[in-house]
């Protein structure tokens, strides 16, 4: 049975108190959010929710062996998710966050298997959009940040396409118009020894090299 989907229009990079409150209520009631990032549209559920992360896998038809990346409001929230992160973590976070760099670290206990990679790792990023960081700070919990698409299909960069694909399937869609698209976030695995760039992306390897050399 189709769900009732709230659609909010985002203008610029700020969301008022009333629409923010509506998003928070949807998330707190277990609903799924489709939202624009600095690259493409993403699917958001509380990253510590077994039911929410499971619904993300169902919507995306995603292989359960592929963990879900996670968005956090800031470095303190990232620290709260990580268990003794490797030395370059703080340096990389301070240099490249907010922005398109995802850091894989060992997760603290309490996260469902859906967001955990090998060895109990978790992939964290502070998004570049100010409204999204503000929402995460208000919510006080990390959100999944996987692309809003069916696995194996192209990413969505237009609000009307996000609405077309996910109306009736999720609790709320934030329509921010056209997103910039471009390269995805660069992913660095700090749980590996030595740290490993596992996906090239918007942050070039030569910019990362000084932080990873000799680790």
C-alpha atoms as a PDB file:
ATOM      1  CA  UNK A   1       0.000   0.000   0.000  1.00  0.00           C
ATOM      2  CA  UNK A   2       1.454   3.412  -0.950  1.00  0.00           C
ATOM      3  CA  UNK A   3       2.566   5.641   1.900  1.00  0.00           C
ATOM      4  CA  UNK A   4       1.570   9.246   2.352  1.00  0.00           C
ATOM      5  CA  UNK A   5       4.658  11.242   1.362  1.00  0.00           C
ATOM      6  CA  UNK A   6       5.271  14.789   2.574  1.00  0.00           C
ATOM      7  CA  UNK A   7       7.110  16.917  -0.009  1.00  0.00           C
ATOM      8  CA  UNK A   8       9.029  19.968   1.191  1.00  0.00           C
ATOM      9  CA  UNK A   9      10.645  22.505  -1.141  1.00  0.00           C
ATOM     10  CA  UNK A  10      14.139  23.654  -0.225  1.00  0.00           C
ATOM     11  CA  UNK A  11      15.199  27.057  -1.493  1.00  0.00           C
ATOM     12  CA  UNK A  12      18.864  27.942  -1.128  1.00  0.00           C
ATOM     13  CA  UNK A  13      20.640  26.173   1.710  1.00  0.00           C
ATOM     14  CA  UNK A  14      18.421  26.949   4.679  1.00  0.00           C
ATOM     15  CA  UNK A  15      15.336  25.189   6.014  1.00  0.00           C
ATOM     16  CA  UNK A  16      13.038  26.984   8.429  1.00  0.00           C
ATOM     17  CA  UNK A  17      12.040  25.768  11.885  1.00  0.00           C
ATOM     18  CA  UNK A  18       8.628  24.494  10.786  1.00  0.00           C
ATOM     19  CA  UNK A  19       9.806  22.239   7.903  1.00  0.00           C
ATOM     20  CA  UNK A  20      12.739  21.073  10.029  1.00  0.00           C
ATOM     21  CA  UNK A  21      10.243  20.047  12.712  1.00  0.00           C
ATOM     22  CA  UNK A  22       8.240  18.064  10.157  1.00  0.00           C
ATOM     23  CA  UNK A  23      11.355  16.191   9.035  1.00  0.00           C
ATOM     24  CA  UNK A  24      12.306  15.413  12.627  1.00  0.00           C
ATOM     25  CA  UNK A  25       8.847  14.037  13.369  1.00  0.00           C
ATOM     26  CA  UNK A  26       9.003  11.753  10.329  1.00  0.00           C
ATOM     27  CA  UNK A  27      12.428  10.435  11.345  1.00  0.00           C
ATOM     28  CA  UNK A  28      11.448   9.983  14.985  1.00  0.00           C
ATOM     29  CA  UNK A  29       8.409   7.953  13.880  1.00  0.00           C
ATOM     30  CA  UNK A  30      10.574   5.620  11.807  1.00  0.00           C
ATOM     31  CA  UNK A  31       9.980   7.237   8.414  1.00  0.00           C
ATOM     32  CA  UNK A  32      12.505   7.419   5.582  1.00  0.00           C
ATOM     33  CA  UNK A  33      13.796  10.707   4.159  1.00  0.00           C
ATOM     34  CA  UNK A  34      14.923  11.502   0.600  1.00  0.00           C
ATOM     35  CA  UNK A  35      17.169  14.557   0.622  1.00  0.00           C
ATOM     36  CA  UNK A  36      19.584  16.503  -1.606  1.00  0.00           C
ATOM     37  CA  UNK A  37      23.312  16.564  -0.884  1.00  0.00           C
ATOM     38  CA  UNK A  38      26.168  18.476  -2.503  1.00  0.00           C
ATOM     39  CA  UNK A  39      26.350  15.732  -5.143  1.00  0.00           C
ATOM     40  CA  UNK A  40      23.128  13.709  -5.575  1.00  0.00           C
ATOM     41  CA  UNK A  41      19.944  12.812  -3.696  1.00  0.00           C
ATOM     42  CA  UNK A  42      20.285  10.410  -0.760  1.00  0.00           C
ATOM     43  CA  UNK A  43      18.128   8.130   1.392  1.00  0.00           C
ATOM     44  CA  UNK A  44      18.151   8.831   5.107  1.00  0.00           C
ATOM     45  CA  UNK A  45      17.131   6.742   8.098  1.00  0.00           C
ATOM     46  CA  UNK A  46      18.536   6.871  11.630  1.00  0.00           C
ATOM     47  CA  UNK A  47      21.800   4.968  11.318  1.00  0.00           C
ATOM     48  CA  UNK A  48      21.257   3.290  14.686  1.00  0.00           C
ATOM     49  CA  UNK A  49      17.829   1.927  13.695  1.00  0.00           C
ATOM     50  CA  UNK A  50      17.605  -1.722  12.645  1.00  0.00           C
ATOM     51  CA  UNK A  51      14.161  -1.179  11.105  1.00  0.00           C
ATOM     52  CA  UNK A  52      15.113   2.039   9.310  1.00  0.00           C
ATOM     53  CA  UNK A  53      18.321   0.714   7.783  1.00  0.00           C
ATOM     54  CA  UNK A  54      16.525  -2.472   6.767  1.00  0.00           C
ATOM     55  CA  UNK A  55      13.923  -0.402   4.928  1.00  0.00           C
ATOM     56  CA  UNK A  56      16.702   1.419   3.054  1.00  0.00           C
ATOM     57  CA  UNK A  57      18.014  -1.919   1.767  1.00  0.00           C
ATOM     58  CA  UNK A  58      14.517  -2.908   0.678  1.00  0.00           C
ATOM     59  CA  UNK A  59      13.897   0.363  -1.155  1.00  0.00           C
ATOM     60  CA  UNK A  60      17.241   0.251  -2.966  1.00  0.00           C
ATOM     61  CA  UNK A  61      17.169  -3.519  -3.581  1.00  0.00           C
ATOM     62  CA  UNK A  62      20.700  -3.343  -2.219  1.00  0.00           C
ATOM     63  CA  UNK A  63      22.971  -6.281  -1.460  1.00  0.00           C
ATOM     64  CA  UNK A  64      23.052  -6.710   2.329  1.00  0.00           C
ATOM     65  CA  UNK A  65      26.793  -7.232   2.084  1.00  0.00           C
ATOM     66  CA  UNK A  66      27.265  -3.575   1.126  1.00  0.00           C
ATOM     67  CA  UNK A  67      27.193  -1.370   4.254  1.00  0.00           C
ATOM     68  CA  UNK A  68      25.428   1.983   4.265  1.00  0.00           C
ATOM     69  CA  UNK A  69      27.495   5.197   4.581  1.00  0.00           C
ATOM     70  CA  UNK A  70      26.540   7.589   7.360  1.00  0.00           C
ATOM     71  CA  UNK A  71      26.228  11.397   7.578  1.00  0.00           C
ATOM     72  CA  UNK A  72      27.041  13.215  10.822  1.00  0.00           C
ATOM     73  CA  UNK A  73      26.592  16.852  11.831  1.00  0.00           C
ATOM     74  CA  UNK A  74      30.164  17.590  12.822  1.00  0.00           C
ATOM     75  CA  UNK A  75      33.413  16.189  14.168  1.00  0.00           C
ATOM     76  CA  UNK A  76      32.083  15.665  17.738  1.00  0.00           C
ATOM     77  CA  UNK A  77      29.223  13.512  16.394  1.00  0.00           C
ATOM     78  CA  UNK A  78      31.729  11.570  14.277  1.00  0.00           C
ATOM     79  CA  UNK A  79      33.874  10.968  17.372  1.00  0.00           C
ATOM     80  CA  UNK A  80      30.805   9.628  19.175  1.00  0.00           C
ATOM     81  CA  UNK A  81      30.355   7.051  16.386  1.00  0.00           C
ATOM     82  CA  UNK A  82      34.003   5.966  16.216  1.00  0.00           C
ATOM     83  CA  UNK A  83      35.968   3.667  18.486  1.00  0.00           C
ATOM     84  CA  UNK A  84      39.556   4.938  18.868  1.00  0.00           C
ATOM     85  CA  UNK A  85      39.967   6.110  15.237  1.00  0.00           C
ATOM     86  CA  UNK A  86      43.376   5.896  13.581  1.00  0.00           C
ATOM     87  CA  UNK A  87      45.754   8.836  13.896  1.00  0.00           C
ATOM     88  CA  UNK A  88      44.977  10.624  10.565  1.00  0.00           C
ATOM     89  CA  UNK A  89      41.262  10.796  11.398  1.00  0.00           C
ATOM     90  CA  UNK A  90      41.330  14.141  13.219  1.00  0.00           C
ATOM     91  CA  UNK A  91      43.708  15.718  10.717  1.00  0.00           C
ATOM     92  CA  UNK A  92      41.683  14.643   7.685  1.00  0.00           C
ATOM     93  CA  UNK A  93      38.387  15.623   9.293  1.00  0.00           C
ATOM     94  CA  UNK A  94      39.611  19.098  10.190  1.00  0.00           C
ATOM     95  CA  UNK A  95      41.049  19.649   6.709  1.00  0.00           C
ATOM     96  CA  UNK A  96      38.271  18.278   4.484  1.00  0.00           C
ATOM     97  CA  UNK A  97      35.014  18.380   6.497  1.00  0.00           C
ATOM     98  CA  UNK A  98      32.420  19.549   5.738  1.00  0.00           C
ATOM     99  CA  UNK A  99      32.861  18.090   2.285  1.00  0.00           C
ATOM    100  CA  UNK A 100      33.020  15.037   0.029  1.00  0.00           C
ATOM    101  CA  UNK A 101      35.413  12.874   2.047  1.00  0.00           C
ATOM    102  CA  UNK A 102      34.163   9.664   3.671  1.00  0.00           C
ATOM    103  CA  UNK A 103      36.316   8.156   6.401  1.00  0.00           C
ATOM    104  CA  UNK A 104      36.021   4.507   7.405  1.00  0.00           C
ATOM    105  CA  UNK A 105      36.841   3.854  11.045  1.00  0.00           C
ATOM    106  CA  UNK A 106      36.047   1.188  13.637  1.00  0.00           C
ATOM    107  CA  UNK A 107      32.521   1.772  14.990  1.00  0.00           C
ATOM    108  CA  UNK A 108      31.506   2.024  18.590  1.00  0.00           C
ATOM    109  CA  UNK A 109      29.042  -0.654  19.761  1.00  0.00           C
ATOM    110  CA  UNK A 110      25.338  -0.093  19.132  1.00  0.00           C
ATOM    111  CA  UNK A 111      25.045   0.203  15.366  1.00  0.00           C
ATOM    112  CA  UNK A 112      23.032  -2.342  13.360  1.00  0.00           C
ATOM    113  CA  UNK A 113      24.850  -4.658  10.989  1.00  0.00           C
ATOM    114  CA  UNK A 114      23.425  -2.732   8.018  1.00  0.00           C
ATOM    115  CA  UNK A 115      25.858   0.159   8.505  1.00  0.00           C
ATOM    116  CA  UNK A 116      28.874  -1.915   9.529  1.00  0.00           C
ATOM    117  CA  UNK A 117      31.632  -3.000   7.194  1.00  0.00           C
ATOM    118  CA  UNK A 118      34.402  -5.576   7.721  1.00  0.00           C
ATOM    119  CA  UNK A 119      35.726  -5.699  11.264  1.00  0.00           C
ATOM    120  CA  UNK A 120      32.847  -3.608  12.595  1.00  0.00           C
ATOM    121  CA  UNK A 121      33.806  -0.485  10.650  1.00  0.00           C
ATOM    122  CA  UNK A 122      31.605   2.496   9.806  1.00  0.00           C
ATOM    123  CA  UNK A 123      31.853   5.033   6.951  1.00  0.00           C
ATOM    124  CA  UNK A 124      31.376   8.637   8.148  1.00  0.00           C
ATOM    125  CA  UNK A 125      31.024  11.988   6.385  1.00  0.00           C
ATOM    126  CA  UNK A 126      30.098  15.548   7.350  1.00  0.00           C
ATOM    127  CA  UNK A 127      28.017  16.812   4.395  1.00  0.00           C
ATOM    128  CA  UNK A 128      28.699  20.103   2.677  1.00  0.00           C
ATOM    129  CA  UNK A 129      25.092  21.364   2.803  1.00  0.00           C
ATOM    130  CA  UNK A 130      24.521  23.734   5.741  1.00  0.00           C
ATOM    131  CA  UNK A 131      20.809  22.902   6.073  1.00  0.00           C
ATOM    132  CA  UNK A 132      21.619  19.202   6.342  1.00  0.00           C
ATOM    133  CA  UNK A 133      24.260  19.720   9.032  1.00  0.00           C
ATOM    134  CA  UNK A 134      21.755  21.828  10.958  1.00  0.00           C
ATOM    135  CA  UNK A 135      19.139  19.072  10.645  1.00  0.00           C
ATOM    136  CA  UNK A 136      21.608  16.443  11.857  1.00  0.00           C
ATOM    137  CA  UNK A 137      22.567  18.617  14.826  1.00  0.00           C
ATOM    138  CA  UNK A 138      18.885  19.051  15.755  1.00  0.00           C
ATOM    139  CA  UNK A 139      18.193  15.336  15.337  1.00  0.00           C
ATOM    140  CA  UNK A 140      21.239  14.435  17.397  1.00  0.00           C
ATOM    141  CA  UNK A 141      21.776  11.112  15.621  1.00  0.00           C
ATOM    142  CA  UNK A 142      23.594  10.112  12.431  1.00  0.00           C
ATOM    143  CA  UNK A 143      21.625   9.382   9.253  1.00  0.00           C
ATOM    144  CA  UNK A 144      22.303   6.989   6.423  1.00  0.00           C
ATOM    145  CA  UNK A 145      23.637   8.772   3.352  1.00  0.00           C
ATOM    146  CA  UNK A 146      23.384   6.206   0.584  1.00  0.00           C
ATOM    147  CA  UNK A 147      22.338   7.365  -2.888  1.00  0.00           C
ATOM    148  CA  UNK A 148      18.583   7.550  -3.548  1.00  0.00           C
ATOM    149  CA  UNK A 149      18.345   5.063  -6.385  1.00  0.00           C
ATOM    150  CA  UNK A 150      17.861   1.404  -7.137  1.00  0.00           C
ATOM    151  CA  UNK A 151      21.185  -0.377  -6.794  1.00  0.00           C
ATOM    152  CA  UNK A 152      22.980  -0.534 -10.124  1.00  0.00           C
ATOM    153  CA  UNK A 153      21.016   2.381 -11.601  1.00  0.00           C
ATOM    154  CA  UNK A 154      22.206   5.967 -11.996  1.00  0.00           C
ATOM    155  CA  UNK A 155      22.147   8.509  -9.187  1.00  0.00           C
ATOM    156  CA  UNK A 156      19.366  11.091  -9.016  1.00  0.00           C
ATOM    157  CA  UNK A 157      20.297  14.768  -9.339  1.00  0.00           C
ATOM    158  CA  UNK A 158      16.838  16.331  -9.878  1.00  0.00           C
ATOM    159  CA  UNK A 159      14.128  16.903  -7.329  1.00  0.00           C
ATOM    160  CA  UNK A 160      11.290  16.040  -9.694  1.00  0.00           C
ATOM    161  CA  UNK A 161      12.934  12.690 -10.458  1.00  0.00           C
ATOM    162  CA  UNK A 162      13.353  11.989  -6.733  1.00  0.00           C
ATOM    163  CA  UNK A 163       9.648  12.735  -6.259  1.00  0.00           C
ATOM    164  CA  UNK A 164       8.676  10.538  -9.215  1.00  0.00           C
ATOM    165  CA  UNK A 165      10.661   7.563  -7.954  1.00  0.00           C
ATOM    166  CA  UNK A 166       9.949   7.770  -4.235  1.00  0.00           C
ATOM    167  CA  UNK A 167       6.508   9.365  -3.761  1.00  0.00           C
ATOM    168  CA  UNK A 168       4.368   6.794  -1.963  1.00  0.00           C
ATOM    169  CA  UNK A 169       7.432   4.838  -0.803  1.00  0.00           C
ATOM    170  CA  UNK A 170       8.988   7.125   1.832  1.00  0.00           C
ATOM    171  CA  UNK A 171       7.745   9.426   4.569  1.00  0.00           C
ATOM    172  CA  UNK A 172       9.210  12.687   3.292  1.00  0.00           C
ATOM    173  CA  UNK A 173      11.070  14.112   0.300  1.00  0.00           C
ATOM    174  CA  UNK A 174      13.067  17.335   0.449  1.00  0.00           C
ATOM    175  CA  UNK A 175      12.952  18.712  -3.086  1.00  0.00           C
ATOM    176  CA  UNK A 176      15.997  20.924  -3.493  1.00  0.00           C
ATOM    177  CA  UNK A 177      15.805  21.154  -7.278  1.00  0.00           C
ATOM    178  CA  UNK A 178      18.881  20.125  -9.234  1.00  0.00           C
ATOM    179  CA  UNK A 179      21.943  19.057  -7.263  1.00  0.00           C
ATOM    180  CA  UNK A 180      25.480  19.650  -8.590  1.00  0.00           C
ATOM    181  CA  UNK A 181      26.157  15.980  -9.364  1.00  0.00           C
ATOM    182  CA  UNK A 182      29.778  15.386 -10.290  1.00  0.00           C
ATOM    183  CA  UNK A 183      32.160  13.022  -8.554  1.00  0.00           C
ATOM    184  CA  UNK A 184      31.076  11.082  -5.461  1.00  0.00           C
ATOM    185  CA  UNK A 185      32.894  11.450  -2.161  1.00  0.00           C
ATOM    186  CA  UNK A 186      36.396  10.049  -1.881  1.00  0.00           C
ATOM    187  CA  UNK A 187      36.501   7.113   0.555  1.00  0.00           C
ATOM    188  CA  UNK A 188      39.524   6.471   2.780  1.00  0.00           C
ATOM    189  CA  UNK A 189      39.658   3.348   4.949  1.00  0.00           C
ATOM    190  CA  UNK A 190      41.402   4.307   8.177  1.00  0.00           C
ATOM    191  CA  UNK A 191      40.586   0.935   9.725  1.00  0.00           C
ATOM    192  CA  UNK A 192      43.120  -0.624   7.339  1.00  0.00           C
ATOM    193  CA  UNK A 193      46.838  -0.611   8.038  1.00  0.00           C
ATOM    194  CA  UNK A 194      48.184   1.316   6.260  1.00  0.00           C
ATOM    195  CA  UNK A 195      45.155   3.534   5.444  1.00  0.00           C
ATOM    196  CA  UNK A 196      43.758   2.883   1.988  1.00  0.00           C
ATOM    197  CA  UNK A 197      41.939   5.052  -0.564  1.00  0.00           C
ATOM    198  CA  UNK A 198      39.160   2.657  -1.561  1.00  0.00           C
ATOM    199  CA  UNK A 199      37.289   5.000  -3.912  1.00  0.00           C
ATOM    200  CA  UNK A 200      38.646   7.955  -5.846  1.00  0.00           C
ATOM    201  CA  UNK A 201      36.291  10.907  -5.888  1.00  0.00           C
ATOM    202  CA  UNK A 202      35.914  14.625  -5.354  1.00  0.00           C
ATOM    203  CA  UNK A 203      38.905  14.944  -3.007  1.00  0.00           C
ATOM    204  CA  UNK A 204      41.989  14.102  -5.136  1.00  0.00           C
ATOM    205  CA  UNK A 205      44.547  11.556  -3.977  1.00  0.00           C
ATOM    206  CA  UNK A 206      47.400  14.069  -4.046  1.00  0.00           C
ATOM    207  CA  UNK A 207      45.537  16.252  -1.528  1.00  0.00           C
ATOM    208  CA  UNK A 208      45.251  13.262   0.803  1.00  0.00           C
ATOM    209  CA  UNK A 209      48.810  12.000   0.397  1.00  0.00           C
ATOM    210  CA  UNK A 210      50.453  14.274   3.026  1.00  0.00           C
ATOM    211  CA  UNK A 211      48.017  12.999   5.666  1.00  0.00           C
ATOM    212  CA  UNK A 212      48.465   9.326   4.819  1.00  0.00           C
ATOM    213  CA  UNK A 213      52.207   9.132   4.119  1.00  0.00           C
ATOM    214  CA  UNK A 214      54.066   6.890   6.539  1.00  0.00           C
ATOM    215  CA  UNK A 215      50.933   5.779   8.409  1.00  0.00           C
END
